[in-house]
Amino acid sequence: MADSSSGQAGITSTWVVDQIENGVATMEVAGETTITVPTGILPRGVSEGDVLRVTIMQDPAELARRLAQSAAQIAKGGKGGKGNIAL
């Protein structure tokens, strides 16, 4: 679905806002498919017909932080399987 650039920096794609209704936007992605997303993730003021440039990329630093946090919780112990590990 990449239509502009790709590589280590991520993948950039063109999204067109097709419809906004009840807090959900229907987006045409790279002219290939449609998806729905919550409007809360869109830039303020976006309206139907707007064209967005979207970049999706991995965040290795955040992954490492979350894994370390999880490891620390496991090291503390915890019993009962009551969902005591928060990611």
N, C-alpha and C. Protein backbone atom coordinates (compact mmCIF):
# COMPACT_ATOMS: atom_id res chain seq x y z
N MET A 1 0.80 -1.20 0.00
CA MET A 1 0.00 0.00 0.00
C MET A 1 0.84 1.26 0.00
N ALA A 2 2.12 1.14 0.05
CA ALA A 2 2.96 2.33 0.03
C ALA A 2 2.83 2.99 -1.32
N ASP A 3 2.65 4.29 -1.33
CA ASP A 3 2.53 4.95 -2.61
C ASP A 3 3.50 6.12 -2.74
N SER A 4 4.29 6.36 -1.73
CA SER A 4 5.21 7.48 -1.81
C SER A 4 6.62 7.04 -1.49
N SER A 5 6.87 6.80 -0.22
CA SER A 5 8.22 6.42 0.17
C SER A 5 8.16 5.27 1.14
N SER A 6 9.23 4.49 1.17
CA SER A 6 9.30 3.41 2.13
C SER A 6 10.74 3.22 2.52
N GLY A 7 10.97 2.44 3.56
CA GLY A 7 12.31 2.21 4.04
C GLY A 7 12.34 2.24 5.54
N GLN A 8 13.51 2.48 6.08
CA GLN A 8 13.66 2.44 7.52
C GLN A 8 12.84 3.52 8.22
N ALA A 9 12.55 4.60 7.55
CA ALA A 9 11.79 5.67 8.17
C ALA A 9 10.31 5.34 8.27
N GLY A 10 9.85 4.34 7.57
CA GLY A 10 8.45 3.98 7.60
C GLY A 10 7.86 3.96 6.22
N ILE A 11 6.57 3.79 6.18
CA ILE A 11 5.84 3.77 4.91
C ILE A 11 4.87 4.93 4.92
N THR A 12 4.90 5.72 3.87
CA THR A 12 4.00 6.85 3.75
C THR A 12 2.96 6.54 2.68
N SER A 13 1.72 6.86 2.99
CA SER A 13 0.61 6.55 2.10
C SER A 13 -0.34 7.74 2.03
N THR A 14 -1.12 7.80 0.97
CA THR A 14 -2.14 8.84 0.82
C THR A 14 -3.49 8.29 1.24
N TRP A 15 -4.14 8.99 2.15
CA TRP A 15 -5.48 8.62 2.61
C TRP A 15 -6.42 9.75 2.23
N VAL A 16 -7.58 9.41 1.70
CA VAL A 16 -8.60 10.39 1.38
C VAL A 16 -9.80 10.15 2.29
N VAL A 17 -10.25 11.21 2.94
CA VAL A 17 -11.40 11.10 3.85
C VAL A 17 -12.66 11.01 2.99
N ASP A 18 -13.30 9.85 3.03
CA ASP A 18 -14.50 9.63 2.24
C ASP A 18 -15.74 10.09 2.99
N GLN A 19 -15.83 9.70 4.27
CA GLN A 19 -17.03 10.01 5.05
C GLN A 19 -16.66 10.10 6.52
N ILE A 20 -17.31 11.02 7.23
CA ILE A 20 -17.17 11.12 8.68
C ILE A 20 -18.56 11.07 9.28
N GLU A 21 -18.74 10.11 10.19
CA GLU A 21 -20.06 9.95 10.81
C GLU A 21 -19.93 9.26 12.15
N ASN A 22 -20.56 9.82 13.17
CA ASN A 22 -20.60 9.22 14.50
C ASN A 22 -19.22 8.88 15.06
N GLY A 23 -18.27 9.78 14.88
CA GLY A 23 -16.94 9.57 15.44
C GLY A 23 -16.07 8.59 14.69
N VAL A 24 -16.49 8.20 13.49
CA VAL A 24 -15.72 7.26 12.67
C VAL A 24 -15.55 7.86 11.27
N ALA A 25 -14.32 7.75 10.75
CA ALA A 25 -14.05 8.22 9.40
C ALA A 25 -13.78 7.02 8.50
N THR A 26 -14.38 7.03 7.32
CA THR A 26 -14.08 6.04 6.30
C THR A 26 -13.03 6.65 5.39
N MET A 27 -11.91 5.93 5.25
CA MET A 27 -10.77 6.44 4.50
C MET A 27 -10.48 5.56 3.30
N GLU A 28 -10.19 6.18 2.17
CA GLU A 28 -9.68 5.45 1.02
C GLU A 28 -8.16 5.49 1.14
N VAL A 29 -7.53 4.32 1.20
CA VAL A 29 -6.10 4.23 1.43
C VAL A 29 -5.39 3.90 0.13
N ALA A 30 -4.54 4.82 -0.31
CA ALA A 30 -3.70 4.65 -1.50
C ALA A 30 -4.51 4.25 -2.73
N GLY A 31 -5.76 4.64 -2.77
CA GLY A 31 -6.60 4.33 -3.91
C GLY A 31 -6.89 2.85 -4.07
N GLU A 32 -6.58 2.04 -3.04
CA GLU A 32 -6.72 0.59 -3.16
C GLU A 32 -7.83 -0.01 -2.31
N THR A 33 -8.03 0.51 -1.13
CA THR A 33 -8.95 -0.11 -0.19
C THR A 33 -9.54 0.97 0.70
N THR A 34 -10.56 0.60 1.46
CA THR A 34 -11.12 1.53 2.43
C THR A 34 -11.01 0.93 3.83
N ILE A 35 -10.80 1.80 4.78
CA ILE A 35 -10.74 1.42 6.19
C ILE A 35 -11.55 2.42 6.99
N THR A 36 -11.87 2.06 8.21
CA THR A 36 -12.49 3.01 9.12
C THR A 36 -11.54 3.24 10.29
N VAL A 37 -11.50 4.47 10.73
CA VAL A 37 -10.65 4.85 11.86
C VAL A 37 -11.44 5.79 12.77
N PRO A 38 -11.13 5.79 14.06
CA PRO A 38 -11.79 6.75 14.93
C PRO A 38 -11.33 8.17 14.58
N THR A 39 -12.25 9.10 14.59
CA THR A 39 -11.89 10.47 14.22
C THR A 39 -10.90 11.10 15.19
N GLY A 40 -10.81 10.56 16.39
CA GLY A 40 -9.88 11.10 17.38
C GLY A 40 -8.42 10.99 16.99
N ILE A 41 -8.08 10.13 16.03
CA ILE A 41 -6.69 10.01 15.61
C ILE A 41 -6.36 10.92 14.43
N LEU A 42 -7.36 11.61 13.91
CA LEU A 42 -7.16 12.48 12.75
C LEU A 42 -6.80 13.89 13.20
N PRO A 43 -6.09 14.63 12.35
CA PRO A 43 -5.78 16.02 12.70
C PRO A 43 -7.06 16.83 12.88
N ARG A 44 -6.99 17.78 13.78
CA ARG A 44 -8.14 18.66 14.05
C ARG A 44 -8.55 19.39 12.77
N GLY A 45 -9.84 19.45 12.53
CA GLY A 45 -10.36 20.19 11.39
C GLY A 45 -10.48 19.39 10.10
N VAL A 46 -10.13 18.11 10.13
CA VAL A 46 -10.23 17.28 8.93
C VAL A 46 -11.70 17.13 8.55
N SER A 47 -11.97 17.21 7.25
CA SER A 47 -13.34 17.04 6.78
C SER A 47 -13.36 16.13 5.55
N GLU A 48 -14.56 15.73 5.17
CA GLU A 48 -14.73 14.85 4.02
C GLU A 48 -14.08 15.45 2.79
N GLY A 49 -13.35 14.63 2.05
CA GLY A 49 -12.66 15.07 0.85
C GLY A 49 -11.20 15.46 1.07
N ASP A 50 -10.81 15.67 2.33
CA ASP A 50 -9.43 16.03 2.61
C ASP A 50 -8.49 14.88 2.27
N VAL A 51 -7.28 15.24 1.85
CA VAL A 51 -6.24 14.28 1.53
C VAL A 51 -5.18 14.35 2.63
N LEU A 52 -4.85 13.18 3.18
CA LEU A 52 -3.87 13.11 4.26
C LEU A 52 -2.66 12.31 3.82
N ARG A 53 -1.49 12.69 4.30
CA ARG A 53 -0.28 11.90 4.12
C ARG A 53 -0.03 11.22 5.45
N VAL A 54 0.00 9.89 5.45
CA VAL A 54 0.10 9.12 6.68
C VAL A 54 1.38 8.28 6.63
N THR A 55 2.18 8.38 7.69
CA THR A 55 3.39 7.57 7.80
C THR A 55 3.23 6.61 8.96
N ILE A 56 3.47 5.33 8.69
CA ILE A 56 3.42 4.30 9.73
C ILE A 56 4.82 3.73 9.87
N MET A 57 5.30 3.73 11.11
CA MET A 57 6.65 3.24 11.34
C MET A 57 6.75 2.50 12.66
N GLN A 58 7.73 1.63 12.75
CA GLN A 58 7.98 0.93 13.99
C GLN A 58 8.66 1.87 14.98
N ASP A 59 8.50 1.57 16.28
CA ASP A 59 9.11 2.38 17.33
C ASP A 59 9.90 1.44 18.25
N PRO A 60 11.13 1.09 17.85
CA PRO A 60 11.93 0.15 18.65
C PRO A 60 12.19 0.63 20.08
N ALA A 61 12.36 1.92 20.29
CA ALA A 61 12.61 2.44 21.63
C ALA A 61 11.39 2.22 22.53
N GLU A 62 10.21 2.46 22.01
CA GLU A 62 8.99 2.25 22.80
C GLU A 62 8.78 0.77 23.07
N LEU A 63 9.08 -0.08 22.10
CA LEU A 63 8.98 -1.52 22.31
C LEU A 63 9.91 -1.95 23.43
N ALA A 64 11.15 -1.48 23.40
CA ALA A 64 12.12 -1.83 24.44
C ALA A 64 11.64 -1.36 25.82
N ARG A 65 11.07 -0.15 25.89
CA ARG A 65 10.56 0.38 27.15
C ARG A 65 9.44 -0.50 27.69
N ARG A 66 8.53 -0.90 26.82
CA ARG A 66 7.40 -1.74 27.25
C ARG A 66 7.86 -3.13 27.68
N LEU A 67 8.81 -3.70 26.97
CA LEU A 67 9.34 -5.01 27.35
C LEU A 67 10.05 -4.94 28.70
N ALA A 68 10.81 -3.87 28.92
CA ALA A 68 11.50 -3.70 30.21
C ALA A 68 10.48 -3.53 31.33
N GLN A 69 9.44 -2.78 31.09
CA GLN A 69 8.39 -2.58 32.09
C GLN A 69 7.71 -3.91 32.42
N SER A 70 7.43 -4.69 31.39
CA SER A 70 6.81 -5.99 31.60
C SER A 70 7.73 -6.92 32.38
N ALA A 71 9.02 -6.93 32.02
CA ALA A 71 9.99 -7.78 32.73
C ALA A 71 10.08 -7.38 34.19
N ALA A 72 10.03 -6.08 34.48
CA ALA A 72 10.10 -5.61 35.86
C ALA A 72 8.87 -6.07 36.65
N GLN A 73 7.71 -6.05 36.03
CA GLN A 73 6.49 -6.50 36.69
C GLN A 73 6.56 -8.00 36.97
N ILE A 74 7.07 -8.75 36.02
CA ILE A 74 7.20 -10.19 36.21
C ILE A 74 8.19 -10.49 37.34
N ALA A 75 9.29 -9.74 37.37
CA ALA A 75 10.31 -9.95 38.40
C ALA A 75 9.77 -9.67 39.80
N LYS A 76 8.79 -8.78 39.92
CA LYS A 76 8.19 -8.47 41.22
C LYS A 76 7.38 -9.65 41.75
N GLY A 77 7.03 -10.55 40.86
CA GLY A 77 6.18 -11.67 41.29
C GLY A 77 4.75 -11.40 40.94
N GLY A 78 3.90 -11.80 41.81
CA GLY A 78 2.48 -11.64 41.54
C GLY A 78 1.85 -13.00 41.37
N LYS A 79 0.71 -13.16 41.96
CA LYS A 79 0.04 -14.45 41.92
C LYS A 79 -1.41 -14.28 41.54
N GLY A 80 -1.98 -15.35 41.13
CA GLY A 80 -3.42 -15.37 40.93
C GLY A 80 -3.88 -15.13 39.51
N GLY A 81 -3.00 -14.75 38.61
CA GLY A 81 -3.44 -14.55 37.22
C GLY A 81 -4.54 -13.54 37.10
N LYS A 82 -4.45 -12.47 37.84
CA LYS A 82 -5.51 -11.46 37.84
C LYS A 82 -5.18 -10.28 36.93
N GLY A 83 -4.37 -10.51 35.91
CA GLY A 83 -4.05 -9.44 34.98
C GLY A 83 -3.15 -8.40 35.57
N ASN A 84 -2.15 -8.84 36.35
CA ASN A 84 -1.29 -7.88 37.03
C ASN A 84 -0.15 -7.38 36.17
N ILE A 85 -0.12 -7.72 34.90
CA ILE A 85 0.91 -7.22 34.00
C ILE A 85 0.23 -6.26 33.03
N ALA A 86 0.65 -5.02 33.05
CA ALA A 86 0.06 -4.02 32.16
C ALA A 86 1.08 -3.65 31.11
N LEU A 87 0.69 -3.80 29.85
CA LEU A 87 1.59 -3.43 28.75
C LEU A 87 1.24 -2.08 28.21
